[in-house]
Amino acid sequence: MLQKLLLQSSDATTKLATAFAPFMTAGSTILLNGIVGAGKTHFARQLILARLIEINAVEDIPSPTFTLVQTYELNDVDIWHTDLYRLINFSEIYELGLDTAFDTAICLVEWSDKLGELVPKNALSLRLSITDNDARLATLEWQSDTWTPIIKNVLKVMENAST
């Protein structure tokens, strides 16, 4: 299935990430794709921040570009934020434990094309593209029916935020 959203500002990207946050549970994976500067890390940070605020936690949310993975403990589940841009070889995915995290954690994966055959079948793909007027086009694609009600709820939240 496919859904496109025009995000006119970084605030709109923040609202999208915040709208997703409460629906993410163990086994939820969002694959973040787009060119450098499209907003992948911004989206991930805002989703993580929204979940940390729920448990009154304040934590720095650095980009995992050099560490490859950053983890955040919530009360009921961990969030894994990964950036595979610098991944040198496929075996590092196993070394990081990312293959296991797909089942036990919330996973936000930047540059997910490097996952190859390990892309979870139940993942949501979020591609951010920069438009001519410097807005972002968010293209959501999913195959698992579990995402359909989540996307409907996210769209409602986005609609209510714009009115």
C-alpha atoms as a PDB file:
ATOM      1  CA  MET A   1       0.000   0.000   0.000  1.00  0.00           C
ATOM      2  CA  LEU A   2       1.101   3.570  -0.570  1.00  0.00           C
ATOM      3  CA  GLN A   3       0.459   6.949   1.048  1.00  0.00           C
ATOM      4  CA  LYS A   4       2.092  10.282   0.200  1.00  0.00           C
ATOM      5  CA  LEU A   5       2.216  13.358   2.419  1.00  0.00           C
ATOM      6  CA  LEU A   6       3.591  16.791   1.642  1.00  0.00           C
ATOM      7  CA  LEU A   7       5.506  18.159   4.625  1.00  0.00           C
ATOM      8  CA  GLN A   8       5.889  21.921   4.196  1.00  0.00           C
ATOM      9  CA  SER A   9       8.420  22.401   7.007  1.00  0.00           C
ATOM     10  CA  SER A  10      10.614  20.636   9.530  1.00  0.00           C
ATOM     11  CA  ASP A  11       7.762  21.235  12.010  1.00  0.00           C
ATOM     12  CA  ALA A  12       5.522  19.114   9.779  1.00  0.00           C
ATOM     13  CA  THR A  13       8.155  16.352   9.821  1.00  0.00           C
ATOM     14  CA  THR A  14       8.235  16.641  13.618  1.00  0.00           C
ATOM     15  CA  LYS A  15       4.441  16.314  13.741  1.00  0.00           C
ATOM     16  CA  LEU A  16       4.592  13.213  11.539  1.00  0.00           C
ATOM     17  CA  ALA A  17       7.207  11.555  13.744  1.00  0.00           C
ATOM     18  CA  THR A  18       5.299  12.500  16.907  1.00  0.00           C
ATOM     19  CA  ALA A  19       2.091  11.103  15.403  1.00  0.00           C
ATOM     20  CA  PHE A  20       3.784   7.740  14.806  1.00  0.00           C
ATOM     21  CA  ALA A  21       5.391   7.531  18.253  1.00  0.00           C
ATOM     22  CA  PRO A  22       2.501   6.173  20.348  1.00  0.00           C
ATOM     23  CA  PHE A  23       1.745   3.408  17.842  1.00  0.00           C
ATOM     24  CA  MET A  24       5.246   1.937  17.780  1.00  0.00           C
ATOM     25  CA  THR A  25       5.679  -1.344  19.667  1.00  0.00           C
ATOM     26  CA  ALA A  26       8.198  -4.187  19.825  1.00  0.00           C
ATOM     27  CA  GLY A  27       8.705  -5.435  16.284  1.00  0.00           C
ATOM     28  CA  SER A  28       7.784  -2.102  14.658  1.00  0.00           C
ATOM     29  CA  THR A  29      10.361  -1.109  12.057  1.00  0.00           C
ATOM     30  CA  ILE A  30      10.480   2.057   9.981  1.00  0.00           C
ATOM     31  CA  LEU A  31      12.956   2.071   7.102  1.00  0.00           C
ATOM     32  CA  LEU A  32      14.079   5.665   6.514  1.00  0.00           C
ATOM     33  CA  ASN A  33      15.334   6.472   3.039  1.00  0.00           C
ATOM     34  CA  GLY A  34      16.208   9.593   1.103  1.00  0.00           C
ATOM     35  CA  ILE A  35      19.220  11.657   0.164  1.00  0.00           C
ATOM     36  CA  VAL A  36      21.519  13.294   2.691  1.00  0.00           C
ATOM     37  CA  GLY A  37      19.623  16.212   4.244  1.00  0.00           C
ATOM     38  CA  ALA A  38      16.142  14.901   3.437  1.00  0.00           C
ATOM     39  CA  GLY A  39      15.168  14.626   7.120  1.00  0.00           C
ATOM     40  CA  LYS A  40      15.699  10.960   8.042  1.00  0.00           C
ATOM     41  CA  THR A  41      17.618  11.705  11.235  1.00  0.00           C
ATOM     42  CA  HIS A  42      15.247  14.558  12.139  1.00  0.00           C
ATOM     43  CA  PHE A  43      12.276  12.203  11.860  1.00  0.00           C
ATOM     44  CA  ALA A  44      13.988   9.517  13.956  1.00  0.00           C
ATOM     45  CA  ARG A  45      15.071  11.990  16.657  1.00  0.00           C
ATOM     46  CA  GLN A  46      11.576  13.421  16.971  1.00  0.00           C
ATOM     47  CA  LEU A  47       9.958   9.994  17.256  1.00  0.00           C
ATOM     48  CA  ILE A  48      12.492   8.949  19.899  1.00  0.00           C
ATOM     49  CA  LEU A  49      12.044  12.233  21.757  1.00  0.00           C
ATOM     50  CA  ALA A  50       8.260  11.808  21.787  1.00  0.00           C
ATOM     51  CA  ARG A  51       8.617   8.342  23.329  1.00  0.00           C
ATOM     52  CA  LEU A  52      11.184   9.519  25.899  1.00  0.00           C
ATOM     53  CA  ILE A  53       8.921  12.395  26.944  1.00  0.00           C
ATOM     54  CA  GLU A  54       6.184   9.823  27.695  1.00  0.00           C
ATOM     55  CA  ILE A  55       8.396   8.377  30.448  1.00  0.00           C
ATOM     56  CA  ASN A  56       9.766  11.759  31.593  1.00  0.00           C
ATOM     57  CA  ALA A  57      13.243  10.930  30.316  1.00  0.00           C
ATOM     58  CA  VAL A  58      15.589  13.542  28.958  1.00  0.00           C
ATOM     59  CA  GLU A  59      18.386  12.218  26.850  1.00  0.00           C
ATOM     60  CA  ASP A  60      20.684  13.473  24.129  1.00  0.00           C
ATOM     61  CA  ILE A  61      19.750  11.914  20.787  1.00  0.00           C
ATOM     62  CA  PRO A  62      22.889  11.919  18.642  1.00  0.00           C
ATOM     63  CA  SER A  63      23.007  10.716  15.063  1.00  0.00           C
ATOM     64  CA  PRO A  64      24.224   7.118  14.869  1.00  0.00           C
ATOM     65  CA  THR A  65      26.265   7.871  11.742  1.00  0.00           C
ATOM     66  CA  PHE A  66      29.566   6.915  13.362  1.00  0.00           C
ATOM     67  CA  THR A  67      28.360   4.455  16.021  1.00  0.00           C
ATOM     68  CA  LEU A  68      25.956   2.729  13.573  1.00  0.00           C
ATOM     69  CA  VAL A  69      23.412   2.207  16.363  1.00  0.00           C
ATOM     70  CA  GLN A  70      22.056   4.131  19.355  1.00  0.00           C
ATOM     71  CA  THR A  71      19.627   2.471  21.751  1.00  0.00           C
ATOM     72  CA  TYR A  72      17.102   4.021  24.103  1.00  0.00           C
ATOM     73  CA  GLU A  73      15.368   2.190  26.954  1.00  0.00           C
ATOM     74  CA  LEU A  74      11.686   2.794  27.484  1.00  0.00           C
ATOM     75  CA  ASN A  75       9.614   1.129  30.186  1.00  0.00           C
ATOM     76  CA  ASP A  76       8.327  -1.651  27.943  1.00  0.00           C
ATOM     77  CA  VAL A  77      10.621  -1.745  24.893  1.00  0.00           C
ATOM     78  CA  ASP A  78      13.903  -0.426  23.548  1.00  0.00           C
ATOM     79  CA  ILE A  79      14.277   1.819  20.517  1.00  0.00           C
ATOM     80  CA  TRP A  80      17.141   1.085  18.136  1.00  0.00           C
ATOM     81  CA  HIS A  81      18.126   3.976  15.875  1.00  0.00           C
ATOM     82  CA  THR A  82      20.556   2.786  13.233  1.00  0.00           C
ATOM     83  CA  ASP A  83      22.337   4.517  10.398  1.00  0.00           C
ATOM     84  CA  LEU A  84      23.796   2.029   7.947  1.00  0.00           C
ATOM     85  CA  TYR A  85      25.419   4.622   5.662  1.00  0.00           C
ATOM     86  CA  ARG A  86      28.922   3.694   6.863  1.00  0.00           C
ATOM     87  CA  LEU A  87      28.256  -0.043   6.994  1.00  0.00           C
ATOM     88  CA  ILE A  88      31.286  -1.722   5.474  1.00  0.00           C
ATOM     89  CA  ASN A  89      30.132  -5.282   5.207  1.00  0.00           C
ATOM     90  CA  PHE A  90      26.866  -7.128   5.568  1.00  0.00           C
ATOM     91  CA  SER A  91      28.059  -9.238   8.531  1.00  0.00           C
ATOM     92  CA  GLU A  92      28.108  -6.090  10.690  1.00  0.00           C
ATOM     93  CA  ILE A  93      24.302  -6.205  10.776  1.00  0.00           C
ATOM     94  CA  TYR A  94      24.553  -9.496  12.674  1.00  0.00           C
ATOM     95  CA  GLU A  95      27.402  -8.213  14.847  1.00  0.00           C
ATOM     96  CA  LEU A  96      25.253  -5.269  15.888  1.00  0.00           C
ATOM     97  CA  GLY A  97      22.361  -7.609  16.733  1.00  0.00           C
ATOM     98  CA  LEU A  98      20.023  -5.700  14.453  1.00  0.00           C
ATOM     99  CA  ASP A  99      18.561  -8.904  13.031  1.00  0.00           C
ATOM    100  CA  THR A 100      17.320  -9.817  16.529  1.00  0.00           C
ATOM    101  CA  ALA A 101      16.222  -6.273  17.368  1.00  0.00           C
ATOM    102  CA  PHE A 102      13.703  -6.358  14.506  1.00  0.00           C
ATOM    103  CA  ASP A 103      11.634  -8.764  16.621  1.00  0.00           C
ATOM    104  CA  THR A 104      12.199  -7.301  20.084  1.00  0.00           C
ATOM    105  CA  ALA A 105      12.566  -3.530  19.685  1.00  0.00           C
ATOM    106  CA  ILE A 106      11.285  -0.495  17.834  1.00  0.00           C
ATOM    107  CA  CYS A 107      13.749  -0.053  14.967  1.00  0.00           C
ATOM    108  CA  LEU A 108      14.369   3.121  12.981  1.00  0.00           C
ATOM    109  CA  VAL A 109      16.787   2.302  10.170  1.00  0.00           C
ATOM    110  CA  GLU A 110      18.443   4.967   8.034  1.00  0.00           C
ATOM    111  CA  TRP A 111      19.948   3.839   4.704  1.00  0.00           C
ATOM    112  CA  SER A 112      17.987   0.604   4.939  1.00  0.00           C
ATOM    113  CA  ASP A 113      18.883  -0.398   1.376  1.00  0.00           C
ATOM    114  CA  LYS A 114      22.039  -1.872   2.935  1.00  0.00           C
ATOM    115  CA  LEU A 115      19.927  -4.472   4.765  1.00  0.00           C
ATOM    116  CA  GLY A 116      19.518  -6.520   1.610  1.00  0.00           C
ATOM    117  CA  GLU A 117      17.654  -9.740   2.363  1.00  0.00           C
ATOM    118  CA  LEU A 118      17.288  -8.801   6.055  1.00  0.00           C
ATOM    119  CA  VAL A 119      14.607  -6.158   5.411  1.00  0.00           C
ATOM    120  CA  PRO A 120      11.744  -7.165   7.711  1.00  0.00           C
ATOM    121  CA  LYS A 121       8.612  -8.121   5.775  1.00  0.00           C
ATOM    122  CA  ASN A 122       6.458  -6.189   8.226  1.00  0.00           C
ATOM    123  CA  ALA A 123       8.460  -2.941   7.963  1.00  0.00           C
ATOM    124  CA  LEU A 124       7.106   0.433   6.932  1.00  0.00           C
ATOM    125  CA  SER A 125       9.191   2.240   4.340  1.00  0.00           C
ATOM    126  CA  LEU A 126       9.344   6.030   4.682  1.00  0.00           C
ATOM    127  CA  ARG A 127      11.100   7.807   1.829  1.00  0.00           C
ATOM    128  CA  LEU A 128      11.712  11.537   2.233  1.00  0.00           C
ATOM    129  CA  SER A 129      12.273  13.536  -0.945  1.00  0.00           C
ATOM    130  CA  ILE A 130      13.101  17.232  -1.198  1.00  0.00           C
ATOM    131  CA  THR A 131      10.673  19.156  -3.404  1.00  0.00           C
ATOM    132  CA  ASP A 132      11.414  22.189  -5.589  1.00  0.00           C
ATOM    133  CA  ASN A 133      10.270  24.562  -2.830  1.00  0.00           C
ATOM    134  CA  ASP A 134      12.416  22.803  -0.152  1.00  0.00           C
ATOM    135  CA  ALA A 135       9.438  21.006   1.383  1.00  0.00           C
ATOM    136  CA  ARG A 136       9.526  17.233   1.914  1.00  0.00           C
ATOM    137  CA  LEU A 137       7.449  14.596   0.210  1.00  0.00           C
ATOM    138  CA  ALA A 138       6.990  11.633   2.542  1.00  0.00           C
ATOM    139  CA  THR A 139       6.172   8.423   0.700  1.00  0.00           C
ATOM    140  CA  LEU A 140       4.953   5.641   2.967  1.00  0.00           C
ATOM    141  CA  GLU A 141       4.856   2.078   1.646  1.00  0.00           C
ATOM    142  CA  TRP A 142       3.878  -1.072   3.493  1.00  0.00           C
ATOM    143  CA  GLN A 143       2.769  -4.637   2.863  1.00  0.00           C
ATOM    144  CA  SER A 144       1.796  -5.737   6.371  1.00  0.00           C
ATOM    145  CA  ASP A 145      -1.827  -5.075   7.329  1.00  0.00           C
ATOM    146  CA  THR A 146      -0.658  -4.055  10.805  1.00  0.00           C
ATOM    147  CA  TRP A 147       0.388  -0.666   9.396  1.00  0.00           C
ATOM    148  CA  THR A 148      -2.980   0.207   7.799  1.00  0.00           C
ATOM    149  CA  PRO A 149      -4.785   1.281  11.013  1.00  0.00           C
ATOM    150  CA  ILE A 150      -1.621   3.012  12.238  1.00  0.00           C
ATOM    151  CA  ILE A 151      -1.366   5.050   9.031  1.00  0.00           C
ATOM    152  CA  LYS A 152      -5.072   5.962   9.299  1.00  0.00           C
ATOM    153  CA  ASN A 153      -4.534   7.180  12.872  1.00  0.00           C
ATOM    154  CA  VAL A 154      -1.374   9.082  11.927  1.00  0.00           C
ATOM    155  CA  LEU A 155      -3.251  10.806   9.089  1.00  0.00           C
ATOM    156  CA  LYS A 156      -6.007  11.818  11.534  1.00  0.00           C
ATOM    157  CA  VAL A 157      -3.446  13.253  13.933  1.00  0.00           C
ATOM    158  CA  MET A 158      -1.760  15.147  11.073  1.00  0.00           C
ATOM    159  CA  GLU A 159      -5.100  16.482   9.856  1.00  0.00           C
ATOM    160  CA  ASN A 160      -6.066  17.651  13.354  1.00  0.00           C
ATOM    161  CA  ALA A 161      -2.631  19.278  13.808  1.00  0.00           C
ATOM    162  CA  SER A 162      -3.106  21.351  10.659  1.00  0.00           C
ATOM    163  CA  THR A 163      -6.519  22.714  11.643  1.00  0.00           C
END
